[in-house]
Amino acid sequence: MTFKIYLRLIGTEAAIRSFNTEASTAHSSVTTLRRQAGWPTVPATEPSWQWQTKFVEAQSDTVEATIAQYVDAHRSLAALIKKHRIGLTLASLVVVVQCAEEELPSGLYISTGTISALHELGVDVDVDFMRAT
């Protein structure tokens, strides 16, 4: 089982582009998104835009430590996330869990210290499970 971890913001074009310019984060990208049922959306007159960092990988035995280190490495973005919050519909740390066909997904432990750091950063946690192909 492997884990891919990255930060993702969704919002208006103005908020995402401004955030991207101010953040100057290496290995991040800005893209437009197609609307999907169940996603938080910006007003219907505007498409959703996404900013995300490059992902890091972790194994089952190191995932919590990797999340903690990743959040700590991006702690400087907290003020910018707060500044642009009005134009954001989603600010998340995304954890993609990839399982082989014969594997069963296991639980994900996140310590109170890491939960506090996520709160300080101003992001929620989005965990997605998928079968490795």
C-alpha atoms as a PDB file:
ATOM      1  CA  MET A   1       0.000   0.000   0.000  1.00  0.00           C
ATOM      2  CA  THR A   2       1.361   3.403  -0.939  1.00  0.00           C
ATOM      3  CA  PHE A   3       0.193   6.888  -0.071  1.00  0.00           C
ATOM      4  CA  LYS A   4       0.440  10.054  -2.166  1.00  0.00           C
ATOM      5  CA  ILE A   5       0.163  13.296  -0.219  1.00  0.00           C
ATOM      6  CA  TYR A   6      -0.326  16.831  -1.553  1.00  0.00           C
ATOM      7  CA  LEU A   7      -2.001  20.177  -0.830  1.00  0.00           C
ATOM      8  CA  ARG A   8      -4.942  21.262  -2.950  1.00  0.00           C
ATOM      9  CA  LEU A   9      -6.922  24.510  -3.063  1.00  0.00           C
ATOM     10  CA  ILE A  10     -10.057  25.052  -5.166  1.00  0.00           C
ATOM     11  CA  GLY A  11     -11.639  28.424  -5.738  1.00  0.00           C
ATOM     12  CA  THR A  12     -12.150  31.329  -8.090  1.00  0.00           C
ATOM     13  CA  GLU A  13      -9.609  32.084 -10.776  1.00  0.00           C
ATOM     14  CA  ALA A  14      -8.684  35.365  -9.072  1.00  0.00           C
ATOM     15  CA  ALA A  15      -8.107  33.722  -5.679  1.00  0.00           C
ATOM     16  CA  ILE A  16      -6.107  30.794  -7.082  1.00  0.00           C
ATOM     17  CA  ARG A  17      -3.925  32.922  -9.368  1.00  0.00           C
ATOM     18  CA  SER A  18      -3.261  35.457  -6.614  1.00  0.00           C
ATOM     19  CA  PHE A  19      -2.446  32.688  -4.132  1.00  0.00           C
ATOM     20  CA  ASN A  20      -0.086  31.048  -6.638  1.00  0.00           C
ATOM     21  CA  THR A  21       1.748  34.317  -7.302  1.00  0.00           C
ATOM     22  CA  GLU A  22       2.143  35.134  -3.611  1.00  0.00           C
ATOM     23  CA  ALA A  23       3.024  31.586  -2.539  1.00  0.00           C
ATOM     24  CA  SER A  24       5.845  31.137  -5.064  1.00  0.00           C
ATOM     25  CA  THR A  25       5.861  27.445  -4.180  1.00  0.00           C
ATOM     26  CA  ALA A  26       8.200  25.315  -6.271  1.00  0.00           C
ATOM     27  CA  HIS A  27       6.576  22.379  -8.035  1.00  0.00           C
ATOM     28  CA  SER A  28       2.986  23.626  -7.762  1.00  0.00           C
ATOM     29  CA  SER A  29       0.454  23.906 -10.572  1.00  0.00           C
ATOM     30  CA  VAL A  30      -2.722  25.810 -11.455  1.00  0.00           C
ATOM     31  CA  THR A  31      -5.481  24.228 -13.561  1.00  0.00           C
ATOM     32  CA  THR A  32      -9.194  24.635 -14.285  1.00  0.00           C
ATOM     33  CA  LEU A  33     -11.591  21.937 -13.143  1.00  0.00           C
ATOM     34  CA  ARG A  34     -14.707  20.419 -14.616  1.00  0.00           C
ATOM     35  CA  ARG A  35     -17.605  20.569 -12.205  1.00  0.00           C
ATOM     36  CA  GLN A  36     -18.498  17.283 -10.582  1.00  0.00           C
ATOM     37  CA  ALA A  37     -21.566  16.352  -8.578  1.00  0.00           C
ATOM     38  CA  GLY A  38     -21.025  16.682  -4.844  1.00  0.00           C
ATOM     39  CA  TRP A  39     -18.081  19.087  -5.050  1.00  0.00           C
ATOM     40  CA  PRO A  40     -18.271  22.471  -3.386  1.00  0.00           C
ATOM     41  CA  THR A  41     -18.564  25.031  -6.153  1.00  0.00           C
ATOM     42  CA  VAL A  42     -18.049  28.706  -6.799  1.00  0.00           C
ATOM     43  CA  PRO A  43     -20.913  30.687  -8.383  1.00  0.00           C
ATOM     44  CA  ALA A  44     -22.296  29.017 -11.508  1.00  0.00           C
ATOM     45  CA  THR A  45     -20.989  31.852 -13.681  1.00  0.00           C
ATOM     46  CA  GLU A  46     -17.374  30.965 -12.872  1.00  0.00           C
ATOM     47  CA  PRO A  47     -15.435  27.741 -13.420  1.00  0.00           C
ATOM     48  CA  SER A  48     -13.520  26.261 -10.492  1.00  0.00           C
ATOM     49  CA  TRP A  49      -9.755  26.626 -10.448  1.00  0.00           C
ATOM     50  CA  GLN A  50      -7.250  24.427  -8.646  1.00  0.00           C
ATOM     51  CA  TRP A  51      -3.811  24.996  -7.148  1.00  0.00           C
ATOM     52  CA  GLN A  52      -1.895  21.962  -5.963  1.00  0.00           C
ATOM     53  CA  THR A  53       1.562  20.997  -4.859  1.00  0.00           C
ATOM     54  CA  LYS A  54       3.632  18.148  -6.174  1.00  0.00           C
ATOM     55  CA  PHE A  55       2.830  14.972  -4.250  1.00  0.00           C
ATOM     56  CA  VAL A  56       5.153  13.057  -1.982  1.00  0.00           C
ATOM     57  CA  GLU A  57       4.913   9.304  -1.487  1.00  0.00           C
ATOM     58  CA  ALA A  58       4.858   7.360   1.768  1.00  0.00           C
ATOM     59  CA  GLN A  59       4.500   3.734   2.809  1.00  0.00           C
ATOM     60  CA  SER A  60       2.085   2.436   5.455  1.00  0.00           C
ATOM     61  CA  ASP A  61       4.668   2.519   8.230  1.00  0.00           C
ATOM     62  CA  THR A  62       5.712   6.157   7.555  1.00  0.00           C
ATOM     63  CA  VAL A  63       2.513   7.875   6.419  1.00  0.00           C
ATOM     64  CA  GLU A  64       1.758   9.815   9.630  1.00  0.00           C
ATOM     65  CA  ALA A  65       5.347  11.053   9.922  1.00  0.00           C
ATOM     66  CA  THR A  66       5.349  12.013   6.240  1.00  0.00           C
ATOM     67  CA  ILE A  67       2.092  13.954   6.645  1.00  0.00           C
ATOM     68  CA  ALA A  68       3.514  15.764   9.695  1.00  0.00           C
ATOM     69  CA  GLN A  69       6.718  16.678   7.821  1.00  0.00           C
ATOM     70  CA  TYR A  70       4.773  17.771   4.736  1.00  0.00           C
ATOM     71  CA  VAL A  71       2.471  20.030   6.754  1.00  0.00           C
ATOM     72  CA  ASP A  72       5.453  21.486   8.605  1.00  0.00           C
ATOM     73  CA  ALA A  73       7.243  22.185   5.315  1.00  0.00           C
ATOM     74  CA  HIS A  74       4.199  24.139   4.065  1.00  0.00           C
ATOM     75  CA  ARG A  75       3.410  25.940   7.326  1.00  0.00           C
ATOM     76  CA  SER A  76       4.412  29.267   5.756  1.00  0.00           C
ATOM     77  CA  LEU A  77       1.298  29.079   3.536  1.00  0.00           C
ATOM     78  CA  ALA A  78      -1.102  29.427   6.501  1.00  0.00           C
ATOM     79  CA  ALA A  79      -1.354  33.219   6.319  1.00  0.00           C
ATOM     80  CA  LEU A  80      -1.924  33.115   2.559  1.00  0.00           C
ATOM     81  CA  ILE A  81      -4.644  30.472   2.872  1.00  0.00           C
ATOM     82  CA  LYS A  82      -6.358  32.636   5.477  1.00  0.00           C
ATOM     83  CA  LYS A  83      -5.938  35.760   3.319  1.00  0.00           C
ATOM     84  CA  HIS A  84      -7.525  34.108   0.270  1.00  0.00           C
ATOM     85  CA  ARG A  85     -10.131  32.038   2.183  1.00  0.00           C
ATOM     86  CA  ILE A  86     -13.075  34.087   0.875  1.00  0.00           C
ATOM     87  CA  GLY A  87     -12.238  33.060  -2.701  1.00  0.00           C
ATOM     88  CA  LEU A  88     -11.588  29.416  -1.824  1.00  0.00           C
ATOM     89  CA  THR A  89     -14.220  26.702  -1.691  1.00  0.00           C
ATOM     90  CA  LEU A  90     -11.813  23.980  -0.613  1.00  0.00           C
ATOM     91  CA  ALA A  91      -8.398  23.848   1.087  1.00  0.00           C
ATOM     92  CA  SER A  92      -7.243  20.285   1.717  1.00  0.00           C
ATOM     93  CA  LEU A  93      -4.362  18.010   2.415  1.00  0.00           C
ATOM     94  CA  VAL A  94      -5.131  15.140   0.058  1.00  0.00           C
ATOM     95  CA  VAL A  95      -4.050  11.597   0.907  1.00  0.00           C
ATOM     96  CA  VAL A  96      -4.493   9.103  -1.921  1.00  0.00           C
ATOM     97  CA  VAL A  97      -4.218   5.516  -0.692  1.00  0.00           C
ATOM     98  CA  GLN A  98      -3.291   3.081  -3.461  1.00  0.00           C
ATOM     99  CA  CYS A  99      -3.909  -0.598  -2.755  1.00  0.00           C
ATOM    100  CA  ALA A 100      -3.004  -3.589  -4.860  1.00  0.00           C
ATOM    101  CA  GLU A 101      -5.951  -5.724  -5.965  1.00  0.00           C
ATOM    102  CA  GLU A 102      -5.282  -8.310  -3.231  1.00  0.00           C
ATOM    103  CA  GLU A 103      -4.805  -5.721  -0.444  1.00  0.00           C
ATOM    104  CA  LEU A 104      -7.496  -4.424   1.864  1.00  0.00           C
ATOM    105  CA  PRO A 105      -7.323  -0.729   2.765  1.00  0.00           C
ATOM    106  CA  SER A 106      -6.163  -0.144   6.317  1.00  0.00           C
ATOM    107  CA  GLY A 107      -6.917   2.673   8.723  1.00  0.00           C
ATOM    108  CA  LEU A 108      -5.112   5.989   8.721  1.00  0.00           C
ATOM    109  CA  TYR A 109      -3.752   7.302  12.022  1.00  0.00           C
ATOM    110  CA  ILE A 110      -3.159  11.056  12.412  1.00  0.00           C
ATOM    111  CA  SER A 111      -1.790  12.287  15.758  1.00  0.00           C
ATOM    112  CA  THR A 112      -3.218  15.227  17.680  1.00  0.00           C
ATOM    113  CA  GLY A 113      -0.033  17.176  16.955  1.00  0.00           C
ATOM    114  CA  THR A 114      -0.496  16.707  13.213  1.00  0.00           C
ATOM    115  CA  ILE A 115      -4.210  17.510  13.478  1.00  0.00           C
ATOM    116  CA  SER A 116      -3.296  20.745  15.275  1.00  0.00           C
ATOM    117  CA  ALA A 117      -0.754  21.582  12.558  1.00  0.00           C
ATOM    118  CA  LEU A 118      -3.397  20.938   9.866  1.00  0.00           C
ATOM    119  CA  HIS A 119      -5.759  23.276  11.711  1.00  0.00           C
ATOM    120  CA  GLU A 120      -3.078  25.964  11.941  1.00  0.00           C
ATOM    121  CA  LEU A 121      -2.398  25.586   8.218  1.00  0.00           C
ATOM    122  CA  GLY A 122      -6.124  26.028   7.578  1.00  0.00           C
ATOM    123  CA  VAL A 123      -6.780  22.826   5.641  1.00  0.00           C
ATOM    124  CA  ASP A 124      -8.997  19.802   6.016  1.00  0.00           C
ATOM    125  CA  VAL A 125      -8.044  16.230   5.132  1.00  0.00           C
ATOM    126  CA  ASP A 126      -9.377  14.413   2.076  1.00  0.00           C
ATOM    127  CA  VAL A 127      -8.572  10.677   1.959  1.00  0.00           C
ATOM    128  CA  ASP A 128      -9.244   8.812  -1.294  1.00  0.00           C
ATOM    129  CA  PHE A 129      -8.788   5.067  -1.769  1.00  0.00           C
ATOM    130  CA  MET A 130      -8.030   3.546  -5.155  1.00  0.00           C
ATOM    131  CA  ARG A 131      -6.854   0.277  -6.572  1.00  0.00           C
ATOM    132  CA  ALA A 132      -3.385   0.359  -8.109  1.00  0.00           C
ATOM    133  CA  THR A 133      -3.437  -0.575 -11.767  1.00  0.00           C
END
